[in-house]
Amino acid sequence: MNQDKMHLINKIFKNETIRTVWDKEEEKYYISVIDIIGVLLDSEYQDSRNYWKVLKHRLKKEGNKTVTKCNQLKLKATDGKYRMTDVVDIEGMFRLIESIPSKNAEPIKQWLAKLGKERIDEIFDPSIAVQRSIDLYRAKGYDEAWITRRVKGIQDRRELTDVWKDSGITEPKEYAILTNEIYKEWSNMTAKEYREFKGLRKESLRDNMSRMEVILADLGEEATKELAKEHKPFGLKQNKQIAKMGGNTAKVAREDLEKKLGKSVITNENMLNYKYIDNKEKIENTN
C-alpha cells in the first residue's frame, strides 16, 4: 500500500486511486474531488469532471459553501503530469458524499448515521464514550496499565484546562500556546514538532509516546495545574510563566533520569509501522 494514502480513505472506499495530500501547515488532509466522484459513480475521469462541474454549480445555488469553497492543488494525473485539481478536506468529503446519489455512497451514509446515533447515546450516557475509548485502545494493542494511565491523563488534562479557564484563558489558540510552553520546557519541542519527530500527522501525540514520555508529559501538566492553583495567574502572559515553571519540573526529572540512564528518554518511536512520505512537498517542488 502506498504509505502516503490516508487510512480513512482506503478503509471507506477500499480504493487506492483516490489522491490525498497532507498539508503540514494546516495539519489537514485534502482529497481529490474528481477521484471521490469517480469511485462513487464508477465513472471515468472526464465523466467525473463533467459531473462535478454540474454538481458544483447546483451546490453553489443551494448555498453549500463547505463543498463549493474548494482549494486547488497540483496533483499527478494518469499521464504523469501535475495539474491543478479541486480538493476538499475531510468535512467537505463527507458533505460531498451526502450530495451524490450512489449505491457506493449508501454504506458510507449508513455509517455516518450510526456515528450520529452513537454520539447522541453518549449525551445521555457519557460512560459509553469512555468505554468505547478503552475498547479502541485495547484493539490497538495497548496494555491495561497504559490504558489506565491514559484515561487518567485525559481527566487530569481536563482539570488543567478548567484551571486555565478560571484564569482567563478562553481561546483554543491560548490553550495550545500554554501546552506548547510546557512541552518546550521539558522536551525542547512544541507539540507539533514532537509529532513530526515521531512521524505523526493527525494521530494523537500522547497515544504514541512511550510510558516514560507519558509520565513526563503528565508531570509537566500536573505541576502546572498545582502552580496555577497556588499562584493564581490571570491572562495569557502570567499563565505562560506558570506553564514554563510546570514544564521545568518535568525537565528536571527528565535530566536526572537521563543522567542516571546514560541515554535520552525521548524517542522517535511510535505506534505506526512506517513513516509518511511528504507528498505535498514533492508536489510543490514539481514543475
Protein backbone atom coordinates (compact mmCIF):
# COMPACT_ATOMS: atom_id res chain seq x y z
CA MET A 1 0.00 0.00 0.00
CA ASN A 2 1.25 3.49 -0.83
CA GLN A 3 2.29 4.79 2.57
CA ASP A 4 1.10 8.34 1.86
CA LYS A 5 -2.50 7.26 1.36
CA MET A 6 -4.83 8.19 4.18
CA HIS A 7 -6.06 5.12 6.07
CA LEU A 8 -9.59 6.50 6.46
CA ILE A 9 -10.00 6.95 2.72
CA ASN A 10 -8.81 3.44 1.94
CA LYS A 11 -10.92 1.95 4.72
CA ILE A 12 -14.09 3.61 3.45
CA PHE A 13 -13.62 3.21 -0.30
CA LYS A 14 -11.24 0.22 -0.43
CA ASN A 15 -9.62 2.04 -3.29
CA GLU A 16 -6.09 3.37 -3.72
CA THR A 17 -6.69 5.63 -6.72
CA ILE A 18 -8.06 8.45 -4.58
CA ARG A 19 -5.32 11.04 -4.38
CA THR A 20 -4.74 12.61 -0.96
CA VAL A 21 -2.32 15.27 0.24
CA TRP A 22 -1.26 16.17 3.77
CA ASP A 23 -0.94 19.92 4.44
CA LYS A 24 1.70 20.39 7.14
CA GLU A 25 0.79 23.96 7.98
CA GLU A 26 -2.95 23.40 8.33
CA GLU A 27 -2.49 19.84 9.62
CA LYS A 28 -5.23 18.65 7.29
CA TYR A 29 -5.72 16.02 4.62
CA TYR A 30 -7.00 17.18 1.26
CA ILE A 31 -8.70 14.74 -1.09
CA SER A 32 -9.30 14.95 -4.84
CA VAL A 33 -12.97 15.70 -5.57
CA ILE A 34 -12.85 14.09 -9.01
CA ASP A 35 -11.43 10.87 -7.56
CA ILE A 36 -14.16 10.64 -4.90
CA ILE A 37 -16.85 11.14 -7.54
CA GLY A 38 -15.21 8.57 -9.81
CA VAL A 39 -15.32 5.91 -7.09
CA LEU A 40 -18.88 6.74 -6.04
CA LEU A 41 -20.22 6.67 -9.59
CA ASP A 42 -17.84 4.11 -11.12
CA SER A 43 -17.13 6.73 -13.78
CA GLU A 44 -14.15 7.66 -15.94
CA TYR A 45 -12.14 10.83 -15.26
CA GLN A 46 -13.85 13.03 -17.88
CA ASP A 47 -17.34 11.90 -16.83
CA SER A 48 -16.47 12.59 -13.19
CA ARG A 49 -15.12 16.01 -14.15
CA ASN A 50 -18.33 16.90 -16.00
CA TYR A 51 -20.46 15.59 -13.14
CA TRP A 52 -18.54 17.75 -10.66
CA LYS A 53 -18.95 20.82 -12.85
CA VAL A 54 -22.75 20.43 -12.80
CA LEU A 55 -22.90 19.41 -9.12
CA LYS A 56 -20.69 22.29 -8.04
CA HIS A 57 -22.96 24.76 -9.83
CA ARG A 58 -26.04 23.26 -8.14
CA LEU A 59 -24.46 23.26 -4.69
CA LYS A 60 -23.43 26.90 -5.12
CA LYS A 61 -27.03 27.83 -5.89
CA GLU A 62 -28.11 25.96 -2.75
CA GLY A 63 -25.55 27.89 -0.70
CA ASN A 64 -23.42 24.85 0.19
CA LYS A 65 -20.11 26.60 0.93
CA THR A 66 -18.48 23.61 2.65
CA VAL A 67 -18.12 21.74 -0.64
CA THR A 68 -18.02 24.53 -3.20
CA LYS A 69 -15.26 26.53 -1.50
CA CYS A 70 -12.60 24.12 -2.70
CA ASN A 71 -8.88 24.55 -2.56
CA GLN A 72 -6.81 23.59 -5.55
CA LEU A 73 -3.57 21.65 -5.51
CA LYS A 74 -1.31 20.24 -8.19
CA LEU A 75 -1.98 16.51 -8.28
CA LYS A 76 -0.38 13.90 -10.51
CA ALA A 77 -2.68 12.76 -13.34
CA THR A 78 -2.69 9.37 -15.05
CA ASP A 79 -0.43 10.75 -17.80
CA GLY A 80 2.21 11.61 -15.20
CA LYS A 81 1.72 15.37 -15.42
CA TYR A 82 0.73 17.58 -12.48
CA ARG A 83 -2.42 19.65 -12.85
CA MET A 84 -4.40 21.96 -10.58
CA THR A 85 -7.24 19.89 -9.10
CA ASP A 86 -10.16 20.69 -6.80
CA VAL A 87 -9.65 19.18 -3.36
CA VAL A 88 -11.69 19.12 -0.15
CA ASP A 89 -10.88 18.44 3.48
CA ILE A 90 -12.48 15.62 5.50
CA GLU A 91 -15.61 17.61 6.33
CA GLY A 92 -16.02 18.61 2.70
CA MET A 93 -15.53 15.00 1.62
CA PHE A 94 -18.46 13.79 3.72
CA ARG A 95 -20.66 16.69 2.60
CA LEU A 96 -19.82 15.74 -0.99
CA ILE A 97 -20.73 12.10 -0.37
CA GLU A 98 -24.07 13.17 1.10
CA SER A 99 -24.80 15.16 -2.07
CA ILE A 100 -24.31 12.29 -4.53
CA PRO A 101 -26.98 9.61 -5.05
CA SER A 102 -24.98 6.42 -5.44
CA LYS A 103 -25.15 2.78 -4.35
CA ASN A 104 -21.49 3.08 -3.45
CA ALA A 105 -22.24 6.03 -1.15
CA GLU A 106 -25.09 4.33 0.71
CA PRO A 107 -22.90 2.22 3.08
CA ILE A 108 -20.96 5.37 3.97
CA LYS A 109 -24.17 7.30 4.67
CA GLN A 110 -25.36 4.45 6.89
CA TRP A 111 -22.03 4.52 8.70
CA LEU A 112 -22.34 8.29 9.26
CA ALA A 113 -25.89 7.82 10.56
CA LYS A 114 -24.61 5.18 13.00
CA LEU A 115 -21.90 7.57 14.20
CA GLY A 116 -24.55 10.24 14.76
CA LYS A 117 -26.66 7.83 16.82
CA GLU A 118 -23.64 6.84 18.90
CA ARG A 119 -22.89 10.48 19.72
CA ILE A 120 -26.50 11.04 20.82
CA ASP A 121 -26.30 7.92 23.01
CA GLU A 122 -23.17 9.38 24.61
CA ILE A 123 -25.01 12.58 25.51
CA PHE A 124 -27.45 10.54 27.60
CA ASP A 125 -24.76 8.21 28.99
CA PRO A 126 -21.17 9.61 28.82
CA SER A 127 -19.76 6.33 30.15
CA ILE A 128 -20.42 4.83 26.70
CA ALA A 129 -17.81 7.17 25.22
CA VAL A 130 -15.29 6.23 27.91
CA GLN A 131 -15.84 2.52 27.34
CA ARG A 132 -15.58 2.96 23.57
CA SER A 133 -12.21 4.67 24.02
CA ILE A 134 -10.96 1.86 26.25
CA ASP A 135 -12.12 -0.76 23.73
CA LEU A 136 -10.34 1.10 20.90
CA TYR A 137 -7.08 1.24 22.86
CA ARG A 138 -7.35 -2.49 23.61
CA ALA A 139 -7.99 -3.23 19.92
CA LYS A 140 -4.83 -1.27 19.03
CA GLY A 141 -2.80 -3.44 21.38
CA TYR A 142 -2.20 -1.14 24.35
CA ASP A 143 -1.78 -2.92 27.69
CA GLU A 144 -4.15 -2.33 30.60
CA ALA A 145 -1.63 -0.33 32.65
CA TRP A 146 -1.06 2.07 29.74
CA ILE A 147 -4.80 2.45 29.16
CA THR A 148 -5.44 3.20 32.84
CA ARG A 149 -2.74 5.89 32.83
CA ARG A 150 -4.03 7.35 29.56
CA VAL A 151 -7.64 7.59 30.75
CA LYS A 152 -6.49 9.24 33.97
CA GLY A 153 -4.30 11.59 31.94
CA ILE A 154 -7.31 12.71 29.92
CA GLN A 155 -9.16 13.57 33.14
CA ASP A 156 -6.11 15.36 34.54
CA ARG A 157 -5.83 17.36 31.33
CA ARG A 158 -9.46 18.43 31.68
CA GLU A 159 -8.78 19.62 35.23
CA LEU A 160 -5.85 21.69 33.93
CA THR A 161 -7.92 23.35 31.21
CA ASP A 162 -10.60 24.12 33.81
CA VAL A 163 -7.96 25.89 35.92
CA TRP A 164 -6.79 27.80 32.84
CA LYS A 165 -10.37 28.78 32.08
CA ASP A 166 -10.75 30.21 35.58
CA SER A 167 -7.50 32.10 34.95
CA GLY A 168 -8.90 33.99 31.97
CA ILE A 169 -7.90 31.58 29.19
CA THR A 170 -10.79 31.17 26.76
CA GLU A 171 -9.47 30.74 23.20
CA PRO A 172 -8.35 27.35 21.76
CA LYS A 173 -5.22 29.08 20.46
CA GLU A 174 -4.32 30.15 24.00
CA TYR A 175 -4.69 26.59 25.31
CA ALA A 176 -2.34 25.44 22.53
CA ILE A 177 0.20 28.16 23.39
CA LEU A 178 0.26 27.14 27.06
CA THR A 179 0.54 23.45 26.19
CA ASN A 180 3.49 24.26 23.94
CA GLU A 181 5.18 26.18 26.78
CA ILE A 182 5.02 23.03 28.92
CA TYR A 183 6.27 20.76 26.11
CA LYS A 184 9.06 23.10 25.03
CA GLU A 185 10.39 23.33 28.57
CA TRP A 186 10.73 19.59 29.24
CA SER A 187 11.17 18.13 25.73
CA ASN A 188 12.70 21.10 23.82
CA MET A 189 9.93 20.68 21.23
CA THR A 190 6.48 22.12 20.65
CA ALA A 191 3.65 19.61 20.39
CA LYS A 192 3.71 19.99 16.60
CA GLU A 193 7.48 19.47 16.43
CA TYR A 194 7.16 16.46 18.72
CA ARG A 195 4.56 14.89 16.41
CA GLU A 196 6.79 15.48 13.40
CA PHE A 197 9.75 14.00 15.30
CA LYS A 198 7.68 10.85 15.81
CA GLY A 199 6.47 10.80 12.19
CA LEU A 200 2.85 11.57 13.11
CA ARG A 201 0.14 13.60 11.39
CA LYS A 202 -3.41 13.51 12.75
CA GLU A 203 -2.57 10.80 15.28
CA SER A 204 -2.56 11.68 18.97
CA LEU A 205 0.89 12.53 20.31
CA ARG A 206 0.16 11.06 23.75
CA ASP A 207 -1.07 7.82 22.19
CA ASN A 208 2.31 7.42 20.52
CA MET A 209 4.50 8.22 23.49
CA SER A 210 6.47 5.67 25.46
CA ARG A 211 5.38 5.10 29.04
CA MET A 212 8.17 7.35 30.34
CA GLU A 213 7.30 10.13 27.90
CA VAL A 214 3.67 9.97 29.06
CA ILE A 215 4.79 10.20 32.69
CA LEU A 216 6.87 13.31 31.95
CA ALA A 217 4.07 14.92 29.94
CA ASP A 218 1.63 14.23 32.78
CA LEU A 219 4.09 15.56 35.35
CA GLY A 220 4.54 18.82 33.44
CA GLU A 221 0.80 19.40 33.22
CA GLU A 222 0.08 18.31 36.80
CA ALA A 223 2.80 20.63 38.12
CA THR A 224 1.40 23.48 36.03
CA LYS A 225 -2.07 22.89 37.45
CA GLU A 226 -0.88 22.92 41.06
CA LEU A 227 1.28 26.01 40.49
CA ALA A 228 -1.62 27.83 38.87
CA LYS A 229 -3.87 27.00 41.82
CA GLU A 230 -1.27 28.34 44.22
CA HIS A 231 -0.12 31.49 42.37
CA LYS A 232 -3.46 32.34 40.71
CA PRO A 233 -2.14 33.86 37.46
CA PHE A 234 -4.53 35.67 35.13
CA GLY A 235 -4.32 36.11 31.40
CA LEU A 236 -2.02 34.55 28.84
CA LYS A 237 1.21 36.27 29.85
CA GLN A 238 1.07 35.20 33.50
CA ASN A 239 -0.12 31.70 32.64
CA LYS A 240 2.77 31.24 30.20
CA GLN A 241 5.19 31.87 33.07
CA ILE A 242 3.43 29.26 35.20
CA ALA A 243 3.31 26.76 32.32
CA LYS A 244 7.05 27.17 31.85
CA MET A 245 7.59 26.52 35.56
CA GLY A 246 5.44 23.41 35.39
CA GLY A 247 7.31 22.16 32.35
CA ASN A 248 10.60 22.78 34.14
CA THR A 249 9.53 20.38 36.88
CA ALA A 250 9.30 17.61 34.27
CA LYS A 251 12.56 18.82 32.70
CA VAL A 252 14.45 18.42 35.99
CA ALA A 253 13.04 14.90 36.40
CA ARG A 254 13.94 14.02 32.82
CA GLU A 255 17.52 15.30 33.07
CA ASP A 256 18.11 13.49 36.36
CA LEU A 257 16.80 10.21 34.95
CA GLU A 258 18.76 10.54 31.68
CA LYS A 259 21.96 11.25 33.63
CA LYS A 260 21.49 8.02 35.57
CA LEU A 261 20.42 6.01 32.50
CA GLY A 262 23.12 7.43 30.25
CA LYS A 263 20.66 7.90 27.41
CA SER A 264 17.72 10.02 26.31
CA VAL A 265 14.18 9.02 27.25
CA ILE A 266 12.80 10.98 24.28
CA THR A 267 12.27 8.60 21.36
CA ASN A 268 11.04 8.97 17.80
CA GLU A 269 9.32 5.59 18.02
CA ASN A 270 5.54 5.49 17.59
CA MET A 271 2.71 3.00 17.23
CA LEU A 272 2.95 3.11 13.42
CA ASN A 273 4.95 0.68 11.31
CA TYR A 274 6.00 3.21 8.69
CA LYS A 275 6.76 6.84 8.05
CA TYR A 276 4.71 9.13 5.87
CA ILE A 277 6.05 10.41 2.58
CA ASP A 278 5.78 14.18 2.37
CA ASN A 279 3.63 14.23 -0.75
CA LYS A 280 2.74 17.93 -0.58
CA GLU A 281 6.39 18.91 -0.65
CA LYS A 282 7.02 16.64 -3.63
CA ILE A 283 4.02 18.16 -5.44
CA GLU A 284 5.04 21.76 -4.75
CA ASN A 285 8.56 21.07 -6.00
CA THR A 286 7.29 19.62 -9.28
CA ASN A 287 7.07 21.91 -12.29
